[in-house]
Amino acid sequence: MIDIIINEWTKFLRNPVFVYLNVFFMFSLIFVVYLGILQNNSQETNRKIVEDEVREQWDNLEPMNPHSAAHYGSYAFKPMNLLNGLDGGVNDITGNVIKLEGHVQNEILFSEASQSLSISKFGKLKSSLLLQIIIPLIIIFLGYSSIINDKKTGVLKLLVVEGLTLRKIIFGKSLSIWLYGLLLLFLTIIIQILSMSNFESLNRLILLIISYSLYYYILAGLAVYFSSIFKNNTTSLSIVMCLWIVWTIFIPKLWGNTVEKVYPLPSRQVFKDSMKEERSKGIDGHNPFDKRRDILKEKFLNQYNVDSLSQLPLNFDGIVMQADEEYGNQIWDKYFGKNYYILEKQKKLFQISGIVNPFSSLQSLSMGFAGTDMMHHLDFLKSAEDYRRYFIKELNDQHAFGGSKTGDWKWTVDSLYFRSVKKYDYKSAKIFDKINYYSLDVICLLLWFVAVNSLIFFINRKKNIL
């Protein structure tokens, strides 16, 4: 087996065209990965600068009514994952800034795609494009004629006569090509490791290596297998290329459209209108004639056994504002919760396509382990909303219980209080806390790995294979 691998690599290195093209490709790969890291670091540095400026502005607010400060609001900035340069996932289109304010849950804004001057079918040139598209193509081109050429030259019969089984020959050639894919993969990973600064990123890199390694072996094994069962290069290449096109282009698009039909998300307009209509059924913090406000008023008057709002030992306006917020939070949980549920259903259904398409499983694992898929994005949105609720409740409670009386909207707090409100600090979820989302993808890749090895193992049962 080792002799076969050495012999294959010797043939690779004796081909000057192969050597020159690979030197060029490796330098291109290093360049793309390095640029991705630089861009990632630049964006993260800018995010921290802006985040600090926003916090500084908040800490130094002039004396202001707490509820006015709630309308002034703050911002949640999505941190740039260290592996974003390896696979940008949904981060390129989802945005990275949310304004946090009272009475409303704002949409995330400023996606990279919306600010890009260059739009293309494949997006920006990133490591994921090279790792998922280009390197698999190279593996296919190396494998499609490996056995056929040995058949034509008679080398295959000589190897079999010397005692090597066809099964070992195919395994050896598959491993040779797979090792080439691993070389390019490790070249990418090593550059990424140089920018790593925590153990969590290392865990994610290891999982990425395993995922890509399985996919590259599946491709290498199939390419060599088809080379062994067909008699000419054209047929072998056509079969493998058709398989690659179906996996990479057609199935993801076709299955993706099917998933959206089976579990459709509501349109933005319908979604916003539904939330607005239901929100109108709750208490209105800014409407003094709202009947629901009167019900809440009677409740507090009875609770404190007083006859008027002026006799309450608190500011009833702050109570109403927080009641308004809590009702709005229930509406948010209801409608966004439905959307989250639909998105999770969509993901699970899409993952099933990995049974017939290992590329879908690889994409899901690549984005998931890089921390740039929809599940990680939803985790950030939930974290930002949780902070918004804390943030607004702190201000409303200060308005209600900080010492002012009902109707006193001129009452203010100074910057000392604003500094006491804790800063938003989002930490991305650890990968092993979310690993259950990707178990189906891992199973599908392992099934393909077993299937390819089974094809090769039983190759000797084919007739007229030589």
Protein backbone atom coordinates (compact mmCIF):
# COMPACT_ATOMS: atom_id res chain seq x y z
CA MET A 1 0.00 0.00 0.00
CA ILE A 2 2.79 2.42 0.95
CA ASP A 3 4.65 1.54 -2.24
CA ILE A 4 1.57 2.44 -4.28
CA ILE A 5 1.28 5.80 -2.52
CA ILE A 6 4.97 6.56 -3.05
CA ASN A 7 4.74 5.53 -6.69
CA GLU A 8 1.69 7.76 -7.27
CA TRP A 9 3.36 10.77 -5.67
CA THR A 10 6.48 10.13 -7.72
CA LYS A 11 4.36 10.27 -10.88
CA PHE A 12 2.74 13.49 -9.68
CA LEU A 13 6.07 15.16 -9.03
CA ARG A 14 7.57 14.05 -12.34
CA ASN A 15 4.89 15.94 -14.21
CA PRO A 16 6.18 19.54 -14.57
CA VAL A 17 2.75 20.91 -15.48
CA PHE A 18 1.30 19.43 -12.30
CA VAL A 19 4.13 20.84 -10.20
CA TYR A 20 3.94 24.37 -11.67
CA LEU A 21 0.16 24.52 -11.41
CA ASN A 22 0.25 23.32 -7.82
CA VAL A 23 2.91 25.80 -6.81
CA PHE A 24 0.73 28.55 -8.29
CA PHE A 25 -2.39 27.19 -6.61
CA MET A 26 -0.70 26.84 -3.22
CA PHE A 27 0.54 30.42 -3.32
CA SER A 28 -2.95 31.53 -4.36
CA LEU A 29 -4.45 29.54 -1.50
CA ILE A 30 -2.04 31.06 1.02
CA PHE A 31 -2.74 34.53 -0.37
CA VAL A 32 -6.53 34.12 -0.16
CA VAL A 33 -6.38 32.72 3.38
CA TYR A 34 -4.02 35.49 4.50
CA LEU A 35 -6.25 38.19 2.99
CA GLY A 36 -9.26 36.62 4.70
CA ILE A 37 -7.48 36.76 8.06
CA LEU A 38 -6.44 40.38 7.48
CA GLN A 39 -9.98 41.38 6.53
CA ASN A 40 -11.37 39.50 9.51
CA ASN A 41 -8.97 41.18 11.91
CA SER A 42 -9.64 44.59 10.38
CA GLN A 43 -13.41 44.20 10.73
CA GLU A 44 -13.07 42.98 14.31
CA THR A 45 -10.79 45.91 15.19
CA ASN A 46 -13.25 48.39 13.68
CA ARG A 47 -16.11 46.70 15.54
CA LYS A 48 -14.33 47.08 18.86
CA ILE A 49 -13.52 50.73 18.15
CA VAL A 50 -17.13 51.57 17.28
CA GLU A 51 -18.44 49.50 20.18
CA ASP A 52 -16.19 51.38 22.61
CA GLU A 53 -17.26 54.73 21.13
CA VAL A 54 -20.94 53.86 21.52
CA ARG A 55 -20.38 52.79 25.12
CA GLU A 56 -18.39 55.94 25.85
CA GLN A 57 -21.25 58.06 24.52
CA TRP A 58 -23.66 56.17 26.76
CA ASP A 59 -21.45 56.52 29.83
CA ASN A 60 -21.21 60.28 29.28
CA LEU A 61 -24.84 61.06 28.53
CA GLU A 62 -26.04 64.38 29.86
CA PRO A 63 -28.72 64.24 32.62
CA MET A 64 -31.78 62.64 31.04
CA ASN A 65 -35.08 61.05 31.92
CA PRO A 66 -34.58 57.23 32.04
CA HIS A 67 -37.32 56.59 29.51
CA SER A 68 -35.84 59.17 27.15
CA ALA A 69 -32.58 57.26 27.50
CA ALA A 70 -34.46 54.08 26.55
CA HIS A 71 -35.47 55.78 23.30
CA TYR A 72 -31.88 56.98 22.83
CA GLY A 73 -30.92 53.34 23.09
CA SER A 74 -27.72 51.46 22.48
CA TYR A 75 -26.32 49.01 19.93
CA ALA A 76 -25.36 45.33 19.83
CA PHE A 77 -22.45 44.54 17.52
CA LYS A 78 -22.01 41.00 16.32
CA PRO A 79 -18.38 39.98 16.94
CA MET A 80 -16.41 38.65 14.00
CA ASN A 81 -15.69 34.96 14.47
CA LEU A 82 -12.01 34.02 14.15
CA LEU A 83 -12.93 31.44 11.51
CA ASN A 84 -15.09 33.80 9.48
CA GLY A 85 -12.23 34.14 7.00
CA LEU A 86 -12.30 30.38 6.47
CA ASP A 87 -16.05 30.16 5.87
CA GLY A 88 -18.17 33.31 6.04
CA GLY A 89 -21.43 31.35 6.04
CA VAL A 90 -24.51 33.51 6.52
CA ASN A 91 -22.50 36.35 8.04
CA ASP A 92 -21.97 37.88 4.60
CA ILE A 93 -25.69 38.53 4.14
CA THR A 94 -27.30 38.78 7.59
CA GLY A 95 -25.84 41.99 8.98
CA ASN A 96 -23.93 42.69 12.18
CA VAL A 97 -25.51 45.65 14.05
CA ILE A 98 -28.80 45.90 15.97
CA LYS A 99 -30.14 49.05 17.59
CA LEU A 100 -31.53 48.31 21.05
CA GLU A 101 -34.30 50.65 22.17
CA GLY A 102 -37.66 50.73 23.91
CA HIS A 103 -40.98 49.58 22.42
CA VAL A 104 -39.47 47.96 19.34
CA GLN A 105 -37.23 45.06 18.31
CA ASN A 106 -35.20 46.33 15.37
CA GLU A 107 -33.86 44.25 12.50
CA ILE A 108 -30.17 43.54 12.15
CA LEU A 109 -28.48 45.86 9.65
CA PHE A 110 -25.31 46.49 7.64
CA SER A 111 -24.61 43.16 6.00
CA GLU A 112 -21.34 42.81 4.14
CA ALA A 113 -23.20 41.94 0.92
CA SER A 114 -25.33 45.09 1.07
CA GLN A 115 -22.19 47.25 1.18
CA SER A 116 -20.18 45.33 -1.40
CA LEU A 117 -19.36 46.96 -4.71
CA SER A 118 -18.73 43.64 -6.41
CA ILE A 119 -21.52 41.10 -6.61
CA SER A 120 -20.93 37.73 -8.27
CA LYS A 121 -22.58 34.33 -8.46
CA PHE A 122 -20.04 32.77 -6.11
CA GLY A 123 -19.52 35.82 -3.90
CA LYS A 124 -16.09 36.89 -2.71
CA LEU A 125 -13.06 34.68 -3.18
CA LYS A 126 -12.77 33.01 0.20
CA SER A 127 -11.09 29.92 1.57
CA SER A 128 -14.40 28.05 1.60
CA LEU A 129 -14.73 28.48 -2.19
CA LEU A 130 -11.30 26.94 -2.71
CA LEU A 131 -11.80 24.18 -0.14
CA GLN A 132 -15.32 23.20 -1.26
CA ILE A 133 -15.14 23.77 -5.03
CA ILE A 134 -11.59 24.02 -6.42
CA ILE A 135 -9.76 21.37 -4.39
CA PRO A 136 -12.50 18.75 -5.01
CA LEU A 137 -12.17 19.45 -8.74
CA ILE A 138 -8.42 18.85 -8.55
CA ILE A 139 -9.04 15.59 -6.68
CA ILE A 140 -11.49 14.51 -9.39
CA PHE A 141 -9.03 15.29 -12.20
CA LEU A 142 -6.26 13.39 -10.44
CA GLY A 143 -8.43 10.34 -9.85
CA TYR A 144 -10.53 9.91 -12.97
CA SER A 145 -7.78 8.34 -15.12
CA SER A 146 -5.56 6.76 -12.47
CA ILE A 147 -6.63 3.13 -13.04
CA ILE A 148 -7.55 3.52 -16.72
CA ASN A 149 -4.03 4.65 -17.62
CA ASP A 150 -2.55 1.67 -15.78
CA LYS A 151 -4.89 -0.61 -17.72
CA LYS A 152 -3.80 0.80 -21.06
CA THR A 153 -0.09 0.55 -20.26
CA GLY A 154 -0.40 -2.95 -18.76
CA VAL A 155 0.90 -1.76 -15.38
CA LEU A 156 -2.31 -2.85 -13.64
CA LYS A 157 -1.93 -6.48 -14.76
CA LEU A 158 1.71 -6.51 -13.68
CA LEU A 159 0.77 -5.23 -10.21
CA VAL A 160 -1.92 -7.91 -9.89
CA VAL A 161 0.51 -10.61 -11.08
CA GLU A 162 3.00 -9.48 -8.42
CA GLY A 163 0.41 -10.27 -5.76
CA LEU A 164 -1.40 -6.98 -5.22
CA THR A 165 -5.17 -7.22 -5.25
CA LEU A 166 -7.17 -4.71 -7.26
CA ARG A 167 -8.79 -3.67 -4.00
CA LYS A 168 -5.40 -2.68 -2.50
CA ILE A 169 -4.43 -0.84 -5.68
CA ILE A 170 -7.61 1.25 -5.63
CA PHE A 171 -7.26 1.93 -1.91
CA GLY A 172 -3.64 2.96 -2.41
CA LYS A 173 -4.40 5.32 -5.29
CA SER A 174 -7.39 6.78 -3.42
CA LEU A 175 -5.23 7.44 -0.38
CA SER A 176 -2.56 9.06 -2.57
CA ILE A 177 -5.03 11.55 -4.01
CA TRP A 178 -6.69 12.02 -0.62
CA LEU A 179 -3.33 12.88 0.94
CA TYR A 180 -2.87 15.55 -1.72
CA GLY A 181 -6.21 17.08 -0.70
CA LEU A 182 -5.14 16.92 2.95
CA LEU A 183 -1.90 18.71 2.08
CA LEU A 184 -3.85 21.66 0.69
CA LEU A 185 -6.28 21.52 3.61
CA PHE A 186 -3.50 21.56 6.21
CA LEU A 187 -1.80 24.40 4.36
CA THR A 188 -4.98 26.41 4.92
CA ILE A 189 -5.43 25.28 8.51
CA ILE A 190 -1.82 26.01 9.53
CA ILE A 191 -2.21 29.62 8.41
CA GLN A 192 -5.45 29.83 10.38
CA ILE A 193 -3.79 28.38 13.49
CA LEU A 194 -1.28 31.24 13.46
CA SER A 195 -4.16 33.65 14.10
CA MET A 196 -5.84 31.51 16.79
CA SER A 197 -5.91 32.80 20.34
CA ASN A 198 -8.23 30.43 22.24
CA PHE A 199 -8.93 26.75 22.79
CA GLU A 200 -12.47 26.97 21.40
CA SER A 201 -11.18 27.96 17.94
CA LEU A 202 -8.77 25.03 18.01
CA ASN A 203 -11.65 22.64 18.75
CA ARG A 204 -13.58 24.05 15.81
CA LEU A 205 -10.54 23.70 13.52
CA ILE A 206 -10.12 20.05 14.45
CA LEU A 207 -13.77 19.37 13.62
CA LEU A 208 -13.36 21.23 10.31
CA ILE A 209 -10.32 19.12 9.43
CA ILE A 210 -12.25 15.90 10.11
CA SER A 211 -15.23 17.07 8.01
CA TYR A 212 -13.19 18.12 4.97
CA SER A 213 -11.01 15.01 5.26
CA LEU A 214 -14.04 12.74 5.05
CA TYR A 215 -15.41 14.62 2.02
CA TYR A 216 -12.08 14.57 0.19
CA TYR A 217 -11.75 10.84 0.76
CA ILE A 218 -15.27 10.24 -0.57
CA LEU A 219 -14.41 12.15 -3.77
CA ALA A 220 -11.01 10.51 -4.19
CA GLY A 221 -12.43 7.03 -3.63
CA LEU A 222 -15.29 7.54 -6.10
CA ALA A 223 -13.01 9.05 -8.76
CA VAL A 224 -10.61 6.10 -8.59
CA TYR A 225 -13.47 3.59 -8.38
CA PHE A 226 -15.11 4.89 -11.55
CA SER A 227 -11.70 4.90 -13.21
CA SER A 228 -11.46 1.18 -12.40
CA ILE A 229 -14.85 0.12 -13.79
CA PHE A 230 -14.79 2.04 -17.10
CA LYS A 231 -12.57 1.44 -20.08
CA ASN A 232 -11.88 5.01 -21.18
CA ASN A 233 -11.04 8.33 -19.59
CA THR A 234 -13.95 10.23 -21.13
CA THR A 235 -16.61 8.03 -19.56
CA SER A 236 -14.91 8.05 -16.18
CA LEU A 237 -14.48 11.83 -16.16
CA SER A 238 -18.02 12.44 -17.42
CA ILE A 239 -19.55 10.32 -14.67
CA VAL A 240 -17.55 11.92 -11.87
CA MET A 241 -18.05 15.46 -13.20
CA CYS A 242 -21.79 14.94 -13.58
CA LEU A 243 -21.89 13.67 -10.01
CA TRP A 244 -19.94 16.72 -8.82
CA ILE A 245 -22.23 19.15 -10.69
CA VAL A 246 -25.36 17.47 -9.33
CA TRP A 247 -23.97 17.53 -5.79
CA THR A 248 -22.59 21.06 -5.88
CA ILE A 249 -25.21 22.93 -7.93
CA PHE A 250 -28.45 21.10 -8.65
CA ILE A 251 -29.31 19.25 -5.43
CA PRO A 252 -28.60 22.20 -3.08
CA LYS A 253 -30.77 24.50 -5.21
CA LEU A 254 -33.53 21.97 -5.82
CA TRP A 255 -33.66 20.72 -2.24
CA GLY A 256 -33.34 24.24 -0.86
CA ASN A 257 -36.41 25.35 -2.83
CA THR A 258 -38.27 22.24 -1.67
CA VAL A 259 -37.43 22.96 1.97
CA GLU A 260 -38.76 26.52 1.63
CA LYS A 261 -42.01 25.18 0.17
CA VAL A 262 -42.47 22.56 2.88
CA TYR A 263 -41.64 24.93 5.74
CA PRO A 264 -42.32 28.45 4.38
CA LEU A 265 -41.40 31.53 6.37
CA PRO A 266 -43.95 34.38 6.34
CA SER A 267 -43.12 37.36 4.16
CA ARG A 268 -41.57 40.34 5.91
CA GLN A 269 -44.66 42.49 5.36
CA VAL A 270 -47.08 39.85 6.67
CA PHE A 271 -44.79 39.23 9.62
CA LYS A 272 -44.53 42.93 10.55
CA ASP A 273 -48.25 43.57 10.04
CA SER A 274 -49.19 40.58 12.22
CA MET A 275 -46.89 41.73 15.03
CA LYS A 276 -48.13 45.31 14.77
CA GLU A 277 -51.77 44.23 14.92
CA GLU A 278 -51.26 42.00 17.95
CA ARG A 279 -49.05 44.57 19.67
CA SER A 280 -51.93 47.07 19.39
CA LYS A 281 -54.03 44.79 21.61
CA GLY A 282 -51.71 45.34 24.56
CA ILE A 283 -51.17 48.29 26.86
CA ASP A 284 -49.88 51.49 25.24
CA GLY A 285 -47.23 53.14 27.37
CA HIS A 286 -47.64 56.49 25.62
CA ASN A 287 -51.45 56.68 25.51
CA PRO A 288 -52.91 58.18 28.73
CA PHE A 289 -56.45 57.28 27.60
CA ASP A 290 -55.77 53.59 27.06
CA LYS A 291 -58.35 51.48 28.95
CA ARG A 292 -55.76 48.85 29.73
CA ARG A 293 -53.73 51.56 31.45
CA ASP A 294 -56.75 52.32 33.63
CA ILE A 295 -57.01 48.67 34.66
CA LEU A 296 -53.33 48.64 35.64
CA LYS A 297 -53.84 51.94 37.49
CA GLU A 298 -56.66 50.51 39.60
CA LYS A 299 -54.52 47.50 40.41
CA PHE A 300 -51.70 49.63 41.83
CA LEU A 301 -54.04 52.03 43.65
CA ASN A 302 -55.64 49.05 45.39
CA GLN A 303 -52.27 47.46 46.07
CA TYR A 304 -50.96 50.56 47.86
CA ASN A 305 -54.40 51.49 49.27
CA VAL A 306 -54.36 55.07 47.92
CA ASP A 307 -56.87 57.17 46.00
CA SER A 308 -54.72 58.83 43.33
CA LEU A 309 -51.50 58.32 41.38
CA SER A 310 -49.89 61.27 43.12
CA GLN A 311 -50.11 59.35 46.42
CA LEU A 312 -48.19 56.35 45.08
CA PRO A 313 -44.62 55.99 46.43
CA LEU A 314 -43.43 55.39 42.87
CA ASN A 315 -43.73 56.73 39.34
CA PHE A 316 -46.64 54.96 37.69
CA ASP A 317 -45.41 56.06 34.23
CA GLY A 318 -42.41 53.74 34.61
CA ILE A 319 -44.70 50.87 35.58
CA VAL A 320 -46.82 51.41 32.46
CA MET A 321 -43.75 51.60 30.23
CA GLN A 322 -42.46 48.28 31.57
CA ALA A 323 -45.89 46.67 31.19
CA ASP A 324 -45.89 47.85 27.58
CA GLU A 325 -42.44 46.28 27.12
CA GLU A 326 -43.40 42.96 28.68
CA TYR A 327 -46.43 42.63 26.47
CA GLY A 328 -44.30 43.43 23.42
CA ASN A 329 -41.78 40.82 24.57
CA GLN A 330 -44.53 38.19 24.59
CA ILE A 331 -45.44 39.13 21.01
CA TRP A 332 -41.78 38.93 19.98
CA ASP A 333 -41.41 35.51 21.60
CA LYS A 334 -44.53 34.29 19.85
CA TYR A 335 -43.70 35.41 16.31
CA PHE A 336 -39.93 35.16 16.36
CA GLY A 337 -40.27 31.86 18.20
CA LYS A 338 -42.37 30.55 15.31
CA ASN A 339 -39.73 31.72 12.85
CA TYR A 340 -36.95 30.08 14.85
CA TYR A 341 -38.94 26.85 14.91
CA ILE A 342 -39.45 27.02 11.13
CA LEU A 343 -35.75 27.71 10.55
CA GLU A 344 -34.78 24.72 12.67
CA LYS A 345 -37.23 22.54 10.73
CA GLN A 346 -35.79 23.84 7.46
CA LYS A 347 -32.27 23.00 8.60
CA LYS A 348 -33.19 19.46 9.62
CA LEU A 349 -34.99 18.81 6.35
CA PHE A 350 -32.10 20.23 4.35
CA GLN A 351 -29.67 18.03 6.28
CA ILE A 352 -31.55 14.95 5.08
CA SER A 353 -30.28 15.68 1.56
CA GLY A 354 -26.86 14.61 2.86
CA ILE A 355 -28.02 11.03 2.37
CA VAL A 356 -27.72 11.54 -1.40
CA ASN A 357 -25.38 14.54 -1.39
CA PRO A 358 -22.32 14.63 0.90
CA PHE A 359 -21.58 18.17 -0.30
CA SER A 360 -24.66 19.43 1.57
CA SER A 361 -23.39 17.82 4.76
CA LEU A 362 -19.94 19.33 4.24
CA GLN A 363 -21.37 22.83 3.75
CA SER A 364 -23.49 22.54 6.86
CA LEU A 365 -20.57 21.28 8.95
CA SER A 366 -18.17 23.86 7.52
CA MET A 367 -20.44 26.80 8.45
CA GLY A 368 -21.46 25.23 11.75
CA PHE A 369 -17.95 24.45 12.95
CA ALA A 370 -16.73 27.86 11.75
CA GLY A 371 -19.51 29.43 13.82
CA THR A 372 -21.06 31.24 10.87
CA ASP A 373 -24.26 29.29 10.17
CA MET A 374 -27.87 30.26 10.89
CA MET A 375 -27.90 28.51 14.29
CA HIS A 376 -25.05 30.70 15.53
CA HIS A 377 -26.66 33.78 14.02
CA LEU A 378 -29.94 33.06 15.82
CA ASP A 379 -27.97 32.60 19.03
CA PHE A 380 -26.61 36.15 18.63
CA LEU A 381 -30.09 37.57 17.90
CA LYS A 382 -31.49 35.92 21.02
CA SER A 383 -28.59 37.18 23.11
CA ALA A 384 -29.07 40.73 21.79
CA GLU A 385 -32.81 40.60 22.55
CA ASP A 386 -32.16 39.28 26.07
CA TYR A 387 -29.81 42.19 26.69
CA ARG A 388 -32.33 44.67 25.23
CA ARG A 389 -34.90 43.45 27.73
CA TYR A 390 -32.46 43.84 30.62
CA PHE A 391 -31.40 47.25 29.32
CA ILE A 392 -34.93 48.65 28.96
CA LYS A 393 -36.16 47.13 32.24
CA GLU A 394 -33.25 48.76 34.11
CA LEU A 395 -34.25 52.15 32.73
CA ASN A 396 -37.99 51.65 33.30
CA ASP A 397 -37.39 50.45 36.87
CA GLN A 398 -35.23 53.47 37.51
CA HIS A 399 -38.03 55.65 36.15
CA ALA A 400 -40.57 53.88 38.35
CA PHE A 401 -38.64 53.38 41.59
CA GLY A 402 -35.73 55.80 41.36
CA GLY A 403 -37.38 58.58 43.33
CA SER A 404 -39.60 60.46 40.88
CA LYS A 405 -43.37 60.84 41.08
CA THR A 406 -46.03 60.09 38.47
CA GLY A 407 -46.19 62.75 35.76
CA ASP A 408 -42.75 64.16 36.57
CA TRP A 409 -41.14 63.72 33.14
CA LYS A 410 -38.51 66.36 33.91
CA TRP A 411 -36.91 64.10 36.51
CA THR A 412 -33.46 63.00 35.31
CA VAL A 413 -30.58 60.74 36.19
CA ASP A 414 -26.95 61.60 35.57
CA SER A 415 -24.11 59.79 33.84
CA LEU A 416 -23.17 58.00 37.08
CA TYR A 417 -26.33 55.91 36.75
CA PHE A 418 -25.84 55.29 33.02
CA ARG A 419 -22.38 53.89 33.77
CA SER A 420 -23.94 51.41 36.21
CA VAL A 421 -25.92 49.74 33.41
CA LYS A 422 -23.81 46.77 32.40
CA LYS A 423 -22.33 46.62 28.92
CA TYR A 424 -23.48 44.13 26.30
CA ASP A 425 -20.86 41.40 25.96
CA TYR A 426 -21.72 38.58 23.60
CA LYS A 427 -19.77 35.34 23.72
CA SER A 428 -20.32 32.90 20.87
CA ALA A 429 -21.68 29.52 21.93
CA LYS A 430 -19.17 26.73 22.38
CA ILE A 431 -19.29 24.25 19.54
CA PHE A 432 -19.87 21.23 21.78
CA ASP A 433 -22.95 22.95 23.21
CA LYS A 434 -24.44 23.00 19.71
CA ILE A 435 -22.98 19.79 18.32
CA ASN A 436 -26.41 18.13 18.32
CA TYR A 437 -27.46 20.43 15.45
CA TYR A 438 -24.84 18.78 13.23
CA SER A 439 -25.11 15.13 14.23
CA LEU A 440 -27.15 14.27 11.12
CA ASP A 441 -24.52 15.85 8.85
CA VAL A 442 -21.77 13.85 10.56
CA ILE A 443 -23.77 10.63 10.22
CA CYS A 444 -24.38 11.26 6.51
CA LEU A 445 -20.68 11.85 5.81
CA LEU A 446 -19.75 8.71 7.75
CA LEU A 447 -22.34 6.70 5.78
CA TRP A 448 -20.82 7.95 2.53
CA PHE A 449 -17.36 7.07 3.84
CA VAL A 450 -18.52 3.53 4.60
CA ALA A 451 -20.34 3.27 1.24
CA VAL A 452 -17.27 4.29 -0.77
CA ASN A 453 -15.06 1.86 1.13
CA SER A 454 -17.64 -0.87 0.55
CA LEU A 455 -17.60 -0.22 -3.21
CA ILE A 456 -13.83 -0.54 -3.23
CA PHE A 457 -13.82 -3.58 -0.94
CA PHE A 458 -16.09 -5.57 -3.24
CA ILE A 459 -14.41 -4.45 -6.46
CA ASN A 460 -12.90 -7.90 -7.04
CA ARG A 461 -16.36 -9.29 -7.71
CA LYS A 462 -16.57 -7.22 -10.91
CA LYS A 463 -16.00 -9.24 -14.06
CA ASN A 464 -13.55 -8.27 -16.81
CA ILE A 465 -12.23 -5.50 -14.60
CA LEU A 466 -8.75 -5.84 -16.00
